Amino acid sequence: MLKHDILSLIRDRIHELKYEQVNLKLFIESDQIRHEQLEHAIRELELVHNRIKQLLCQSSSEAC
């Protein structure tokens, strides 16, 4: 299903960014800007993911 594929792609990207962020912890002090960019990207994707999921739940009878 296209809806679930979209949500899955967004969720996968969130996990990729979180993995990258964890790996950057050793370099946080020297790369604070990159860390902040990752935080922002993760928050934005989580908002998009949750909003799409919310919209899909409203428009379908599927369990959410």
PDB file of N, CA and C in Angstrom:
ATOM      1  N   MET A   1       0.834  -1.187   0.000  1.00  0.00           N
ATOM      2  CA  MET A   1       0.000   0.000   0.000  1.00  0.00           C
ATOM      3  C   MET A   1       0.871   1.240   0.000  1.00  0.00           C
ATOM      4  N   LEU A   2       0.496   2.181  -0.799  1.00  0.00           N
ATOM      5  CA  LEU A   2       1.277   3.399  -0.945  1.00  0.00           C
ATOM      6  C   LEU A   2       1.344   4.184   0.358  1.00  0.00           C
ATOM      7  N   LYS A   3       0.235   4.248   1.085  1.00  0.00           N
ATOM      8  CA  LYS A   3       0.218   5.012   2.342  1.00  0.00           C
ATOM      9  C   LYS A   3       1.249   4.474   3.319  1.00  0.00           C
ATOM     10  N   HIS A   4       1.256   3.173   3.466  1.00  0.00           N
ATOM     11  CA  HIS A   4       2.187   2.564   4.419  1.00  0.00           C
ATOM     12  C   HIS A   4       3.625   2.654   3.913  1.00  0.00           C
ATOM     13  N   ASP A   5       3.815   2.621   2.612  1.00  0.00           N
ATOM     14  CA  ASP A   5       5.155   2.769   2.046  1.00  0.00           C
ATOM     15  C   ASP A   5       5.715   4.155   2.349  1.00  0.00           C
ATOM     16  N   ILE A   6       4.878   5.175   2.213  1.00  0.00           N
ATOM     17  CA  ILE A   6       5.310   6.543   2.499  1.00  0.00           C
ATOM     18  C   ILE A   6       5.697   6.673   3.962  1.00  0.00           C
ATOM     19  N   LEU A   7       4.832   6.190   4.840  1.00  0.00           N
ATOM     20  CA  LEU A   7       5.131   6.258   6.272  1.00  0.00           C
ATOM     21  C   LEU A   7       6.386   5.469   6.603  1.00  0.00           C
ATOM     22  N   SER A   8       6.564   4.336   5.976  1.00  0.00           N
ATOM     23  CA  SER A   8       7.740   3.512   6.215  1.00  0.00           C
ATOM     24  C   SER A   8       9.010   4.225   5.755  1.00  0.00           C
ATOM     25  N   LEU A   9       8.965   4.868   4.608  1.00  0.00           N
ATOM     26  CA  LEU A   9      10.135   5.604   4.117  1.00  0.00           C
ATOM     27  C   LEU A   9      10.515   6.737   5.067  1.00  0.00           C
ATOM     28  N   ILE A  10       9.520   7.465   5.552  1.00  0.00           N
ATOM     29  CA  ILE A  10       9.800   8.563   6.481  1.00  0.00           C
ATOM     30  C   ILE A  10      10.373   8.015   7.777  1.00  0.00           C
ATOM     31  N   ARG A  11       9.768   6.964   8.320  1.00  0.00           N
ATOM     32  CA  ARG A  11      10.237   6.373   9.566  1.00  0.00           C
ATOM     33  C   ARG A  11      11.663   5.824   9.394  1.00  0.00           C
ATOM     34  N   ASP A  12      11.946   5.192   8.250  1.00  0.00           N
ATOM     35  CA  ASP A  12      13.293   4.681   7.983  1.00  0.00           C
ATOM     36  C   ASP A  12      14.309   5.814   7.978  1.00  0.00           C
ATOM     37  N   ARG A  13      13.951   6.944   7.369  1.00  0.00           N
ATOM     38  CA  ARG A  13      14.870   8.084   7.318  1.00  0.00           C
ATOM     39  C   ARG A  13      15.109   8.649   8.709  1.00  0.00           C
ATOM     40  N   ILE A  14      14.070   8.684   9.535  1.00  0.00           N
ATOM     41  CA  ILE A  14      14.232   9.139  10.915  1.00  0.00           C
ATOM     42  C   ILE A  14      15.239   8.245  11.627  1.00  0.00           C
ATOM     43  N   HIS A  15      15.100   6.936  11.456  1.00  0.00           N
ATOM     44  CA  HIS A  15      16.026   5.999  12.100  1.00  0.00           C
ATOM     45  C   HIS A  15      17.454   6.175  11.576  1.00  0.00           C
ATOM     46  N   GLU A  16      17.595   6.422  10.282  1.00  0.00           N
ATOM     47  CA  GLU A  16      18.933   6.659   9.719  1.00  0.00           C
ATOM     48  C   GLU A  16      19.565   7.893  10.343  1.00  0.00           C
ATOM     49  N   LEU A  17      18.786   8.960  10.474  1.00  0.00           N
ATOM     50  CA  LEU A  17      19.319  10.190  11.055  1.00  0.00           C
ATOM     51  C   LEU A  17      19.665  10.001  12.527  1.00  0.00           C
ATOM     52  N   LYS A  18      18.841   9.268  13.251  1.00  0.00           N
ATOM     53  CA  LYS A  18      19.141   9.005  14.659  1.00  0.00           C
ATOM     54  C   LYS A  18      20.415   8.175  14.791  1.00  0.00           C
ATOM     55  N   TYR A  19      20.595   7.197  13.907  1.00  0.00           N
ATOM     56  CA  TYR A  19      21.815   6.381  13.914  1.00  0.00           C
ATOM     57  C   TYR A  19      23.034   7.267  13.649  1.00  0.00           C
ATOM     58  N   GLU A  20      22.906   8.151  12.683  1.00  0.00           N
ATOM     59  CA  GLU A  20      24.007   9.064  12.369  1.00  0.00           C
ATOM     60  C   GLU A  20      24.298   9.968  13.568  1.00  0.00           C
ATOM     61  N   GLN A  21      23.231  10.411  14.223  1.00  0.00           N
ATOM     62  CA  GLN A  21      23.391  11.283  15.377  1.00  0.00           C
ATOM     63  C   GLN A  21      24.125  10.568  16.513  1.00  0.00           C
ATOM     64  N   VAL A  22      23.776   9.326  16.760  1.00  0.00           N
ATOM     65  CA  VAL A  22      24.446   8.554  17.809  1.00  0.00           C
ATOM     66  C   VAL A  22      25.928   8.415  17.485  1.00  0.00           C
ATOM     67  N   ASN A  23      26.227   8.161  16.221  1.00  0.00           N
ATOM     68  CA  ASN A  23      27.632   8.029  15.824  1.00  0.00           C
ATOM     69  C   ASN A  23      28.393   9.339  15.920  1.00  0.00           C
ATOM     70  N   LEU A  24      27.681  10.449  15.886  1.00  0.00           N
ATOM     71  CA  LEU A  24      28.339  11.749  15.990  1.00  0.00           C
ATOM     72  C   LEU A  24      28.587  12.178  17.432  1.00  0.00           C
ATOM     73  N   LYS A  25      28.034  11.454  18.385  1.00  0.00           N
ATOM     74  CA  LYS A  25      28.173  11.877  19.783  1.00  0.00           C
ATOM     75  C   LYS A  25      29.626  12.113  20.175  1.00  0.00           C
ATOM     76  N   LEU A  26      30.525  11.324  19.621  1.00  0.00           N
ATOM     77  CA  LEU A  26      31.943  11.515  19.942  1.00  0.00           C
ATOM     78  C   LEU A  26      32.471  12.845  19.417  1.00  0.00           C
ATOM     79  N   PHE A  27      31.806  13.371  18.400  1.00  0.00           N
ATOM     80  CA  PHE A  27      32.284  14.594  17.762  1.00  0.00           C
ATOM     81  C   PHE A  27      31.348  15.779  18.000  1.00  0.00           C
ATOM     82  N   ILE A  28      30.431  15.638  18.937  1.00  0.00           N
ATOM     83  CA  ILE A  28      29.416  16.673  19.164  1.00  0.00           C
ATOM     84  C   ILE A  28      30.041  18.037  19.427  1.00  0.00           C
ATOM     85  N   GLU A  29      31.028  18.070  20.270  1.00  0.00           N
ATOM     86  CA  GLU A  29      31.613  19.359  20.611  1.00  0.00           C
ATOM     87  C   GLU A  29      32.244  20.033  19.407  1.00  0.00           C
ATOM     88  N   SER A  30      32.858  19.273  18.544  1.00  0.00           N
ATOM     89  CA  SER A  30      33.512  19.864  17.382  1.00  0.00           C
ATOM     90  C   SER A  30      32.564  20.020  16.203  1.00  0.00           C
ATOM     91  N   ASP A  31      31.395  19.399  16.289  1.00  0.00           N
ATOM     92  CA  ASP A  31      30.466  19.452  15.164  1.00  0.00           C
ATOM     93  C   ASP A  31      29.046  19.758  15.648  1.00  0.00           C
ATOM     94  N   GLN A  32      28.921  20.773  16.501  1.00  0.00           N
ATOM     95  CA  GLN A  32      27.637  21.126  17.099  1.00  0.00           C
ATOM     96  C   GLN A  32      26.601  21.536  16.051  1.00  0.00           C
ATOM     97  N   ILE A  33      27.016  22.214  15.015  1.00  0.00           N
ATOM     98  CA  ILE A  33      26.066  22.658  13.982  1.00  0.00           C
ATOM     99  C   ILE A  33      25.439  21.457  13.291  1.00  0.00           C
ATOM    100  N   ARG A  34      26.251  20.470  12.944  1.00  0.00           N
ATOM    101  CA  ARG A  34      25.714  19.265  12.297  1.00  0.00           C
ATOM    102  C   ARG A  34      24.731  18.552  13.227  1.00  0.00           C
ATOM    103  N   HIS A  35      25.062  18.485  14.495  1.00  0.00           N
ATOM    104  CA  HIS A  35      24.179  17.863  15.478  1.00  0.00           C
ATOM    105  C   HIS A  35      22.834  18.592  15.527  1.00  0.00           C
ATOM    106  N   GLU A  36      22.877  19.900  15.538  1.00  0.00           N
ATOM    107  CA  GLU A  36      21.639  20.687  15.571  1.00  0.00           C
ATOM    108  C   GLU A  36      20.828  20.497  14.289  1.00  0.00           C
ATOM    109  N   GLN A  37      21.506  20.389  13.152  1.00  0.00           N
ATOM    110  CA  GLN A  37      20.808  20.141  11.894  1.00  0.00           C
ATOM    111  C   GLN A  37      20.115  18.784  11.923  1.00  0.00           C
ATOM    112  N   LEU A  38      20.778  17.779  12.468  1.00  0.00           N
ATOM    113  CA  LEU A  38      20.169  16.459  12.593  1.00  0.00           C
ATOM    114  C   LEU A  38      18.963  16.493  13.521  1.00  0.00           C
ATOM    115  N   GLU A  39      19.089  17.184  14.636  1.00  0.00           N
ATOM    116  CA  GLU A  39      17.963  17.316  15.565  1.00  0.00           C
ATOM    117  C   GLU A  39      16.766  17.942  14.861  1.00  0.00           C
ATOM    118  N   HIS A  40      17.019  18.992  14.119  1.00  0.00           N
ATOM    119  CA  HIS A  40      15.955  19.690  13.395  1.00  0.00           C
ATOM    120  C   HIS A  40      15.320  18.770  12.344  1.00  0.00           C
ATOM    121  N   ALA A  41      16.137  18.080  11.582  1.00  0.00           N
ATOM    122  CA  ALA A  41      15.627  17.185  10.538  1.00  0.00           C
ATOM    123  C   ALA A  41      14.790  16.058  11.142  1.00  0.00           C
ATOM    124  N   ILE A  42      15.251  15.512  12.250  1.00  0.00           N
ATOM    125  CA  ILE A  42      14.508  14.440  12.922  1.00  0.00           C
ATOM    126  C   ILE A  42      13.159  14.958  13.406  1.00  0.00           C
ATOM    127  N   ARG A  43      13.154  16.115  14.048  1.00  0.00           N
ATOM    128  CA  ARG A  43      11.889  16.689  14.537  1.00  0.00           C
ATOM    129  C   ARG A  43      10.920  16.955  13.392  1.00  0.00           C
ATOM    130  N   GLU A  44      11.437  17.522  12.306  1.00  0.00           N
ATOM    131  CA  GLU A  44      10.588  17.822  11.147  1.00  0.00           C
ATOM    132  C   GLU A  44       9.996  16.544  10.551  1.00  0.00           C
ATOM    133  N   LEU A  45      10.818  15.523  10.375  1.00  0.00           N
ATOM    134  CA  LEU A  45      10.320  14.268   9.808  1.00  0.00           C
ATOM    135  C   LEU A  45       9.339  13.576  10.743  1.00  0.00           C
ATOM    136  N   GLU A  46       9.581  13.661  12.035  1.00  0.00           N
ATOM    137  CA  GLU A  46       8.628  13.081  12.975  1.00  0.00           C
ATOM    138  C   GLU A  46       7.285  13.800  12.902  1.00  0.00           C
ATOM    139  N   LEU A  47       7.304  15.122  12.762  1.00  0.00           N
ATOM    140  CA  LEU A  47       6.058  15.874  12.614  1.00  0.00           C
ATOM    141  C   LEU A  47       5.325  15.491  11.338  1.00  0.00           C
ATOM    142  N   VAL A  48       6.064  15.390  10.238  1.00  0.00           N
ATOM    143  CA  VAL A  48       5.464  14.994   8.962  1.00  0.00           C
ATOM    144  C   VAL A  48       4.881  13.591   9.069  1.00  0.00           C
ATOM    145  N   HIS A  49       5.650  12.676   9.633  1.00  0.00           N
ATOM    146  CA  HIS A  49       5.199  11.292   9.788  1.00  0.00           C
ATOM    147  C   HIS A  49       3.917  11.232  10.603  1.00  0.00           C
ATOM    148  N   ASN A  50       3.911  11.912  11.742  1.00  0.00           N
ATOM    149  CA  ASN A  50       2.734  11.880  12.608  1.00  0.00           C
ATOM    150  C   ASN A  50       1.527  12.537  11.959  1.00  0.00           C
ATOM    151  N   ARG A  51       1.750  13.612  11.238  1.00  0.00           N
ATOM    152  CA  ARG A  51       0.629  14.306  10.574  1.00  0.00           C
ATOM    153  C   ARG A  51       0.043  13.447   9.455  1.00  0.00           C
ATOM    154  N   ILE A  52       0.892  12.808   8.652  1.00  0.00           N
ATOM    155  CA  ILE A  52       0.402  11.928   7.586  1.00  0.00           C
ATOM    156  C   ILE A  52      -0.362  10.757   8.186  1.00  0.00           C
ATOM    157  N   LYS A  53       0.186  10.195   9.237  1.00  0.00           N
ATOM    158  CA  LYS A  53      -0.487   9.079   9.897  1.00  0.00           C
ATOM    159  C   LYS A  53      -1.847   9.518  10.431  1.00  0.00           C
ATOM    160  N   GLN A  54      -1.896  10.684  11.020  1.00  0.00           N
ATOM    161  CA  GLN A  54      -3.146  11.229  11.547  1.00  0.00           C
ATOM    162  C   GLN A  54      -4.160  11.437  10.424  1.00  0.00           C
ATOM    163  N   LEU A  55      -3.725  11.996   9.308  1.00  0.00           N
ATOM    164  CA  LEU A  55      -4.616  12.228   8.169  1.00  0.00           C
ATOM    165  C   LEU A  55      -5.122  10.911   7.588  1.00  0.00           C
ATOM    166  N   LEU A  56      -4.237   9.930   7.504  1.00  0.00           N
ATOM    167  CA  LEU A  56      -4.639   8.634   6.977  1.00  0.00           C
ATOM    168  C   LEU A  56      -5.649   7.950   7.893  1.00  0.00           C
ATOM    169  N   CYS A  57      -5.465   8.119   9.193  1.00  0.00           N
ATOM    170  CA  CYS A  57      -6.399   7.522  10.148  1.00  0.00           C
ATOM    171  C   CYS A  57      -7.781   8.158  10.024  1.00  0.00           C
ATOM    172  N   GLN A  58      -7.801   9.444   9.740  1.00  0.00           N
ATOM    173  CA  GLN A  58      -9.071  10.154   9.603  1.00  0.00           C
ATOM    174  C   GLN A  58      -9.817   9.738   8.332  1.00  0.00           C
ATOM    175  N   SER A  59      -9.049   9.386   7.305  1.00  0.00           N
ATOM    176  CA  SER A  59      -9.671   9.102   6.008  1.00  0.00           C
ATOM    177  C   SER A  59      -9.895   7.615   5.735  1.00  0.00           C
ATOM    178  N   SER A  60      -9.521   6.775   6.683  1.00  0.00           N
ATOM    179  CA  SER A  60      -9.710   5.346   6.464  1.00  0.00           C
ATOM    180  C   SER A  60     -10.264   4.691   7.713  1.00  0.00           C
ATOM    181  N   SER A  61     -10.712   3.480   7.529  1.00  0.00           N
ATOM    182  CA  SER A  61     -11.239   2.735   8.663  1.00  0.00           C
ATOM    183  C   SER A  61     -10.204   1.803   9.264  1.00  0.00           C
ATOM    184  N   GLU A  62      -8.957   1.885   8.785  1.00  0.00           N
ATOM    185  CA  GLU A  62      -7.887   1.036   9.290  1.00  0.00           C
ATOM    186  C   GLU A  62      -7.511   1.430  10.717  1.00  0.00           C
ATOM    187  N   ALA A  63      -7.070   0.460  11.474  1.00  0.00           N
ATOM    188  CA  ALA A  63      -6.601   0.740  12.820  1.00  0.00           C
ATOM    189  C   ALA A  63      -5.298   1.522  12.745  1.00  0.00           C
ATOM    190  N   CYS A  64      -5.138   2.470  13.634  1.00  0.00           N
ATOM    191  CA  CYS A  64      -3.928   3.298  13.620  1.00  0.00           C
ATOM    192  C   CYS A  64      -3.108   3.119  14.868  1.00  0.00           C
TER     193      CYS A  64
END
